[in-house]
Protein backbone atom coordinates (compact mmCIF):
# COMPACT_ATOMS: atom_id res chain seq x y z
CA UNK A 1 -14.90 17.40 27.23
CA UNK A 2 -11.77 19.50 26.94
CA UNK A 3 -8.77 18.62 24.78
CA UNK A 4 -5.54 20.03 24.51
CA UNK A 5 -3.03 20.00 21.54
CA UNK A 6 0.64 20.81 22.56
CA UNK A 7 3.37 21.08 19.86
CA UNK A 8 7.19 20.25 20.21
CA UNK A 9 8.24 23.99 20.29
CA UNK A 10 5.88 24.72 23.21
CA UNK A 11 2.76 26.05 21.27
CA UNK A 12 -0.50 24.98 22.57
CA UNK A 13 -4.31 25.26 21.70
CA UNK A 14 -7.34 24.36 23.70
CA UNK A 15 -10.41 23.15 22.46
CA UNK A 16 -13.21 20.62 22.68
CA UNK A 17 -13.07 16.85 22.20
CA UNK A 18 -14.83 15.18 19.27
CA UNK A 19 -13.64 11.68 19.33
CA UNK A 20 -12.36 9.22 21.93
CA UNK A 21 -11.23 10.21 25.44
CA UNK A 22 -7.43 9.48 25.67
CA UNK A 23 -3.88 10.82 24.66
CA UNK A 24 -2.04 10.27 21.30
CA UNK A 25 1.10 11.89 19.74
CA UNK A 26 2.22 12.30 16.25
CA UNK A 27 3.68 14.77 13.65
CA UNK A 28 1.38 17.43 13.36
CA UNK A 29 0.69 18.34 9.77
CA UNK A 30 -2.10 20.02 7.83
CA UNK A 31 -4.10 19.07 4.19
CA UNK A 32 -5.76 21.80 2.33
CA UNK A 33 -8.51 19.85 0.56
CA UNK A 34 -12.17 21.10 0.90
CA UNK A 35 -13.73 17.52 0.92
CA UNK A 36 -12.38 13.94 1.35
CA UNK A 37 -12.09 13.74 4.84
CA UNK A 38 -13.06 10.13 5.08
CA UNK A 39 -10.48 8.99 2.47
CA UNK A 40 -7.67 11.06 4.36
CA UNK A 41 -8.57 9.51 7.77
CA UNK A 42 -8.17 6.05 6.15
CA UNK A 43 -5.20 6.89 4.14
CA UNK A 44 -2.34 4.78 5.46
CA UNK A 45 0.15 7.54 4.41
CA UNK A 46 -1.15 9.67 7.50
CA UNK A 47 -0.26 6.86 9.77
CA UNK A 48 1.68 8.41 12.95
CA UNK A 49 0.31 12.16 12.10
CA UNK A 50 -1.89 14.57 13.65
CA UNK A 51 -4.00 15.72 10.91
CA UNK A 52 -5.42 19.25 10.68
CA UNK A 53 -7.97 20.02 7.87
CA UNK A 54 -7.97 23.68 6.76
CA UNK A 55 -11.49 23.59 5.56
CA UNK A 56 -13.52 25.26 8.40
CA UNK A 57 -16.59 23.09 8.51
CA UNK A 58 -15.95 19.10 8.42
CA UNK A 59 -18.43 16.26 8.45
CA UNK A 60 -21.36 17.81 6.54
CA UNK A 61 -21.89 14.70 4.41
CA UNK A 62 -21.17 12.26 6.90
CA UNK A 63 -19.62 8.85 6.54
CA UNK A 64 -20.46 5.86 4.51
CA UNK A 65 -18.85 2.39 3.94
CA UNK A 66 -17.73 3.00 0.28
CA UNK A 67 -15.37 6.04 0.80
CA UNK A 68 -12.80 4.23 2.88
CA UNK A 69 -8.98 3.37 1.79
CA UNK A 70 -8.22 0.97 4.30
CA UNK A 71 -9.62 -1.09 6.77
CA UNK A 72 -9.30 1.53 9.72
CA UNK A 73 -8.79 5.23 10.56
CA UNK A 74 -4.97 5.54 10.27
CA UNK A 75 -4.45 9.21 11.40
CA UNK A 76 -2.80 9.31 14.98
CA UNK A 77 -5.15 12.28 15.67
CA UNK A 78 -7.75 14.69 13.99
CA UNK A 79 -8.24 18.25 14.44
CA UNK A 80 -10.89 20.70 12.92
CA UNK A 81 -12.24 23.92 13.24
CA UNK A 82 -15.80 23.06 13.58
CA UNK A 83 -17.76 19.63 13.26
CA UNK A 84 -21.15 19.26 11.45
CA UNK A 85 -23.28 17.45 13.90
CA UNK A 86 -26.13 17.06 11.54
CA UNK A 87 -24.79 15.42 8.14
CA UNK A 88 -26.97 15.33 5.12
CA UNK A 89 -26.10 13.11 2.29
CA UNK A 90 -28.09 10.19 0.79
CA UNK A 91 -25.09 7.90 1.03
CA UNK A 92 -24.38 8.73 4.81
CA UNK A 93 -25.12 6.19 7.38
CA UNK A 94 -23.03 7.62 10.28
CA UNK A 95 -21.93 11.00 11.64
CA UNK A 96 -18.27 11.83 11.58
CA UNK A 97 -18.33 12.09 15.53
CA UNK A 98 -19.67 8.73 15.71
CA UNK A 99 -17.08 7.38 13.37
CA UNK A 100 -14.17 8.80 15.36
CA UNK A 101 -15.52 7.33 18.53
CA UNK A 102 -16.11 3.97 17.10
CA UNK A 103 -12.55 3.93 15.77
CA UNK A 104 -11.00 5.09 19.26
CA UNK A 105 -9.72 8.33 17.59
CA UNK A 106 -8.54 11.24 19.82
CA UNK A 107 -9.88 14.30 17.81
CA UNK A 108 -10.82 18.01 18.55
CA UNK A 109 -12.45 21.03 17.43
CA UNK A 110 -12.82 24.69 18.17
CA UNK A 111 -9.20 25.90 18.03
CA UNK A 112 -8.09 28.43 15.37
CA UNK A 113 -6.93 25.94 12.56
CA UNK A 114 -5.65 29.17 10.70
CA UNK A 115 -3.36 29.92 13.21
CA UNK A 116 -2.15 26.27 13.50
CA UNK A 117 -1.68 26.05 9.88
CA UNK A 118 0.25 29.31 9.60
CA UNK A 119 2.56 28.34 12.65
CA UNK A 120 3.31 25.14 10.60
CA UNK A 121 4.02 26.72 7.47
CA UNK A 122 6.29 29.31 9.09
CA UNK A 123 7.90 26.82 11.97
CA UNK A 124 7.65 23.55 9.71
CA UNK A 125 5.92 20.27 10.69
CA UNK A 126 6.59 19.10 14.15
CA UNK A 127 5.83 16.61 16.65
CA UNK A 128 2.75 17.30 18.93
CA UNK A 129 0.55 15.54 21.56
CA UNK A 130 -3.27 15.64 22.03
CA UNK A 131 -5.15 14.81 25.26
CA UNK A 132 -8.33 14.67 26.95
CA UNK A 133 -6.53 13.93 30.28
CA UNK A 134 -3.08 15.22 30.40
CA UNK A 135 -1.79 18.50 31.53
CA UNK A 136 0.63 20.56 29.13
CA UNK A 137 3.54 19.65 31.23
CA UNK A 138 2.58 15.72 31.04
CA UNK A 139 2.20 16.14 27.15
CA UNK A 140 5.73 18.12 27.24
CA UNK A 141 7.33 14.79 28.82
CA UNK A 142 5.35 12.52 26.62
CA UNK A 143 6.74 14.70 23.51
CA UNK A 144 10.44 14.48 24.81
CA UNK A 145 10.38 10.91 25.33
CA UNK A 146 8.63 9.68 22.00
CA UNK A 147 10.83 9.03 18.98
CA UNK A 148 10.61 11.55 16.07
CA UNK A 149 8.26 10.58 13.45
CA UNK A 150 10.97 10.08 10.81
CA UNK A 151 12.75 7.61 12.87
CA UNK A 152 9.87 5.01 13.15
CA UNK A 153 8.91 2.78 10.31
CA UNK A 154 5.44 3.39 9.83
CA UNK A 155 5.37 1.13 6.81
CA UNK A 156 5.80 -1.69 8.65
CA UNK A 157 2.98 -1.24 10.99
CA UNK A 158 0.44 -0.62 7.96
CA UNK A 159 1.37 -3.13 5.34
CA UNK A 160 0.00 -6.38 4.92
CA UNK A 161 1.97 -9.16 6.50
CA UNK A 162 0.99 -11.89 3.97
CA UNK A 163 0.40 -11.94 0.26
CA UNK A 164 -3.30 -12.01 -1.05
CA UNK A 165 -5.09 -11.64 -4.28
CA UNK A 166 -7.19 -8.51 -4.65
CA UNK A 167 -10.98 -8.95 -5.22
CA UNK A 168 -12.45 -5.93 -4.02
CA UNK A 169 -15.20 -8.10 -2.03
CA UNK A 170 -14.04 -6.20 1.40
CA UNK A 171 -15.04 -2.65 -0.19
CA UNK A 172 -18.05 -1.51 -2.13
CA UNK A 173 -19.92 -2.86 -5.49
CA UNK A 174 -18.02 -0.37 -7.48
CA UNK A 175 -14.86 -2.67 -7.22
CA UNK A 176 -16.82 -5.37 -9.29
CA UNK A 177 -17.43 -3.11 -12.17
CA UNK A 178 -16.43 -4.72 -15.72
CA UNK A 179 -12.74 -3.61 -16.10
CA UNK A 180 -11.76 -1.16 -18.92
CA UNK A 181 -10.79 -2.67 -21.93
CA UNK A 182 -12.35 -6.30 -21.72
CA UNK A 183 -15.89 -7.43 -21.68
CA UNK A 184 -17.57 -9.03 -18.54
CA UNK A 185 -16.55 -12.54 -17.83
CA UNK A 186 -13.19 -12.36 -19.76
CA UNK A 187 -9.99 -13.29 -17.97
CA UNK A 188 -7.30 -10.55 -16.96
CA UNK A 189 -5.24 -8.52 -19.47
CA UNK A 190 -2.13 -8.84 -17.22
CA UNK A 191 -0.79 -9.92 -13.84
CA UNK A 192 0.18 -7.04 -11.42
CA UNK A 193 2.21 -7.30 -8.00
CA UNK A 194 1.69 -4.45 -5.69
CA UNK A 195 4.19 -3.62 -2.95
CA UNK A 196 2.17 -2.81 -0.16
CA UNK A 197 3.88 0.09 1.89
CA UNK A 198 0.52 1.63 2.67
CA UNK A 199 -1.67 0.92 -0.23
CA UNK A 200 -4.95 2.77 -0.85
CA UNK A 201 -7.58 0.63 -2.04
CA UNK A 202 -8.44 2.77 -5.06
CA UNK A 203 -4.78 1.84 -6.46
CA UNK A 204 -6.09 -1.77 -6.53
CA UNK A 205 -9.40 -0.49 -8.01
CA UNK A 206 -7.86 1.61 -10.73
CA UNK A 207 -5.63 -1.43 -11.74
CA UNK A 208 -8.36 -4.07 -11.45
CA UNK A 209 -10.66 -1.73 -13.60
CA UNK A 210 -8.24 -1.89 -16.33
CA UNK A 211 -7.94 -5.65 -16.61
CA UNK A 212 -5.32 -6.31 -14.01
CA UNK A 213 -5.06 -9.30 -11.78
CA UNK A 214 -3.64 -7.89 -8.58
CA UNK A 215 -1.65 -9.37 -5.77
CA UNK A 216 -0.73 -7.43 -2.91
CA UNK A 217 2.69 -8.32 -1.24
CA UNK A 218 4.27 -7.05 2.02
CA UNK A 219 6.50 -4.25 2.00
CA UNK A 220 9.45 -6.44 2.74
CA UNK A 221 8.93 -9.03 0.13
CA UNK A 222 12.28 -9.79 -1.69
CA UNK A 223 12.46 -9.50 -5.54
CA UNK A 224 12.32 -13.50 -5.50
CA UNK A 225 9.02 -13.23 -3.64
CA UNK A 226 7.65 -10.57 -5.98
CA UNK A 227 8.60 -12.73 -9.02
CA UNK A 228 7.16 -15.88 -7.59
CA UNK A 229 3.84 -14.19 -7.81
CA UNK A 230 4.30 -14.15 -11.68
CA UNK A 231 3.64 -10.64 -12.19
CA UNK A 232 3.71 -8.89 -16.00
CA UNK A 233 4.53 -5.83 -13.74
CA UNK A 234 5.11 -4.27 -10.37
CA UNK A 235 3.73 -1.22 -8.52
CA UNK A 236 5.50 0.28 -5.32
CA UNK A 237 2.69 1.84 -3.51
CA UNK A 238 2.56 5.01 -1.28
CA UNK A 239 2.86 4.89 2.30
CA UNK A 240 4.11 6.85 5.58
CA UNK A 241 7.41 7.94 6.63
CA UNK A 242 10.82 8.33 5.65
CA UNK A 243 11.84 6.19 2.47
CA UNK A 244 15.54 6.17 3.43
CA UNK A 245 14.37 3.92 6.26
CA UNK A 246 13.07 1.29 3.73
CA UNK A 247 16.36 -0.36 2.62
CA UNK A 248 14.60 -3.82 2.17
CA UNK A 249 11.95 -2.39 -0.03
CA UNK A 250 14.73 -0.23 -2.12
CA UNK A 251 16.81 -3.31 -2.66
CA UNK A 252 13.83 -5.30 -4.08
CA UNK A 253 13.00 -2.38 -6.37
CA UNK A 254 16.69 -2.15 -7.59
CA UNK A 255 16.60 -6.00 -8.10
CA UNK A 256 13.49 -5.73 -10.37
CA UNK A 257 14.88 -3.10 -12.54
CA UNK A 258 15.33 -4.38 -16.00
CA UNK A 259 13.26 -7.62 -14.97
CA UNK A 260 9.65 -6.08 -15.14
CA UNK A 261 7.70 -2.74 -16.05
CA UNK A 262 7.60 -0.69 -12.64
CA UNK A 263 5.41 2.17 -11.57
CA UNK A 264 6.14 4.05 -8.22
CA UNK A 265 3.58 6.29 -6.60
CA UNK A 266 4.42 8.83 -3.96
CA UNK A 267 6.67 6.83 -1.62
CA UNK A 268 7.17 4.39 -4.48
CA UNK A 269 8.40 7.26 -6.63
CA UNK A 270 10.75 8.37 -3.76
CA UNK A 271 12.23 4.76 -3.76
CA UNK A 272 12.83 4.74 -7.37
CA UNK A 273 14.72 8.20 -6.88
CA UNK A 274 17.03 6.62 -4.45
CA UNK A 275 17.62 3.41 -6.49
CA UNK A 276 18.46 5.78 -9.25
CA UNK A 277 21.02 7.71 -6.97
CA UNK A 278 18.94 10.49 -5.69
CA UNK A 279 19.01 11.82 -2.07
CA UNK A 280 15.62 12.53 -0.26
CA UNK A 281 14.85 15.95 1.50
CA UNK A 282 12.46 16.47 4.19
CA UNK A 283 9.79 19.20 3.29
CA UNK A 284 9.09 22.12 5.33
CA UNK A 285 5.51 21.57 5.82
CA UNK A 286 4.90 19.01 2.73
CA UNK A 287 2.18 18.86 0.28
CA UNK A 288 -1.31 17.55 1.65
CA UNK A 289 -4.63 18.19 -0.11
CA UNK A 290 -6.35 17.86 -3.50
CA UNK A 291 -5.19 21.22 -5.33
CA UNK A 292 -1.53 20.93 -6.03
CA UNK A 293 -0.42 22.04 -9.70
CA UNK A 294 2.01 19.77 -11.45
CA UNK A 295 3.54 20.56 -14.93
CA UNK A 296 4.62 17.80 -17.19
CA UNK A 297 7.97 19.20 -18.49
CA UNK A 298 7.81 17.04 -21.62
CA UNK A 299 4.18 17.89 -22.84
CA UNK A 300 3.84 21.33 -21.19
CA UNK A 301 0.49 20.08 -19.80
CA UNK A 302 -0.62 21.36 -16.15
CA UNK A 303 -2.73 19.19 -14.00
CA UNK A 304 -4.22 19.70 -10.51
CA UNK A 305 -3.12 16.51 -8.28
CA UNK A 306 -4.03 15.12 -4.86
CA UNK A 307 -1.07 14.85 -2.77
CA UNK A 308 0.09 13.69 0.61
CA UNK A 309 3.80 13.31 1.34
CA UNK A 310 6.44 15.13 3.63
CA UNK A 311 9.48 14.19 1.59
CA UNK A 312 10.60 14.66 -1.90
CA UNK A 313 13.48 13.65 -4.43
CA UNK A 314 16.50 15.84 -4.71
CA UNK A 315 17.60 15.41 -8.49
CA UNK A 316 21.11 16.56 -8.39
CA UNK A 317 22.50 12.99 -8.00
CA UNK A 318 20.06 11.38 -10.18
CA UNK A 319 21.91 8.59 -12.41
CA UNK A 320 22.16 9.56 -16.00
CA UNK A 321 19.66 6.56 -16.70
CA UNK A 322 16.76 8.51 -15.27
CA UNK A 323 15.18 12.01 -16.11
CA UNK A 324 12.84 14.17 -14.34
CA UNK A 325 9.21 14.35 -16.01
CA UNK A 326 7.13 16.46 -13.62
CA UNK A 327 7.62 19.47 -11.30
CA UNK A 328 5.56 21.17 -8.65
CA UNK A 329 4.29 24.48 -9.79
CA UNK A 330 4.46 25.79 -6.35
CA UNK A 331 8.04 24.82 -5.05
CA UNK A 332 9.67 23.27 -8.13
CA UNK A 333 10.30 19.79 -6.31
CA UNK A 334 10.30 16.81 -8.44
CA UNK A 335 6.72 15.19 -9.06
CA UNK A 336 7.79 12.66 -11.69
CA UNK A 337 10.66 10.52 -12.75
CA UNK A 338 11.27 7.95 -15.69
CA UNK A 339 13.89 5.64 -16.65
CA UNK A 340 15.27 6.64 -20.28
CA UNK A 341 15.38 3.21 -21.69
CA UNK A 342 13.11 0.88 -19.71
CA UNK A 343 9.63 0.80 -19.04
CA UNK A 344 9.65 2.36 -15.39
CA UNK A 345 8.15 5.64 -14.27
CA UNK A 346 7.14 7.10 -11.04
CA UNK A 347 5.03 9.94 -9.76
CA UNK A 348 5.02 11.94 -6.42
CA UNK A 349 1.24 12.60 -6.45
CA UNK A 350 -1.68 10.41 -6.37
CA UNK A 351 -3.14 9.45 -9.84
CA UNK A 352 -5.83 7.25 -8.10
CA UNK A 353 -7.20 10.51 -6.42
CA UNK A 354 -9.62 9.25 -3.55
CA UNK A 355 -10.14 12.26 -2.71
CA UNK A 356 -9.16 14.65 -5.30
CA UNK A 357 -9.22 15.48 -8.90
CA UNK A 358 -8.71 12.65 -11.35
CA UNK A 359 -6.75 14.57 -13.98
CA UNK A 360 -3.66 12.09 -13.95
CA UNK A 361 -5.78 8.55 -13.94
CA UNK A 362 -4.77 8.02 -17.34
CA UNK A 363 -1.34 7.02 -15.80
CA UNK A 364 -2.70 3.63 -15.11
CA UNK A 365 -3.48 3.13 -18.49
CA UNK A 366 0.10 4.09 -19.50
CA UNK A 367 1.37 1.38 -17.05
CA UNK A 368 -0.99 -1.17 -18.19
CA UNK A 369 0.22 -0.36 -21.90
CA UNK A 370 3.90 -0.71 -21.03
CA UNK A 371 3.13 -4.01 -19.23
CA UNK A 372 1.14 -5.46 -22.22
CA UNK A 373 3.88 -4.06 -24.68
CA UNK A 374 6.58 -5.76 -22.51
CA UNK A 375 4.99 -9.28 -22.58
CA UNK A 376 4.45 -9.39 -26.01
């Protein structure tokens, strides 16, 4: 079945459908990771986006129940150069094509993803529409009639609507491993509330493995709502879209400053920046992939990180209470912040990986350490 991709500037690509029949629209972006397509497809931070993978062959290790980061495929659409039709991996129980079909995801292969990626790098990410049924003229009208990606609150769409205790039961057996720092059967070391702006499951896993009792709360929970869960520390999760639209969540973060240790990840990092007086900028084509170098300006250490964001903190107006701790070595953008006197820090990248390198996983240890120290 033929599929068409039309970008907002009129550029079009024609390929073959590898997913569900139909039409979809979103912000066209690209990710440079060589593996991890299942984690990327289910990452809520990709909600509202047409995801292009730059690696030429995708799907060769199939799909399995463990490598998911949420309850469903989150991307608006999926684009690859070539789909592997015969996956081979002992963990695989489904092909990528069948996975896309079962989730009703519009997807296509057979286009020059190098040309598409280069176009987005030069012109910047933009809205696009994909279809197996509409003409380019009809897609043009659809794009013109659809709100811009940054004008939509996607966090509201992907967040939980009610608080719940994380058990890991809905995922895999790896969630029930004995947490680091305590023996099997012992109680939690601390209680952590995670503000769900589009949480990846591995964030909860990483906290639980370090002995945290984790409570997931909605994106629009007030500070009183969060404190009612009796947390020793609070994490503001990653998520999709423009952080400046999340005035309620930023207000909650601001109200919790000085009351509890706080960790902000990706979107949570950007909201901490806003709370500290910084502006937010839209990146030309964002950082998405598993190979982004980040320098710790305090220690000089360089790490390779997993990233997925299209906005960044502009540090010029930062309050004197906060300082930049990390920068991106590709473009110099801010990758980390910390409060100078309080146990609060944030990172723009994903220390939980899934997929990607785990160079910065120790940051969860640092957060839990700050929580335990503050509780004493």
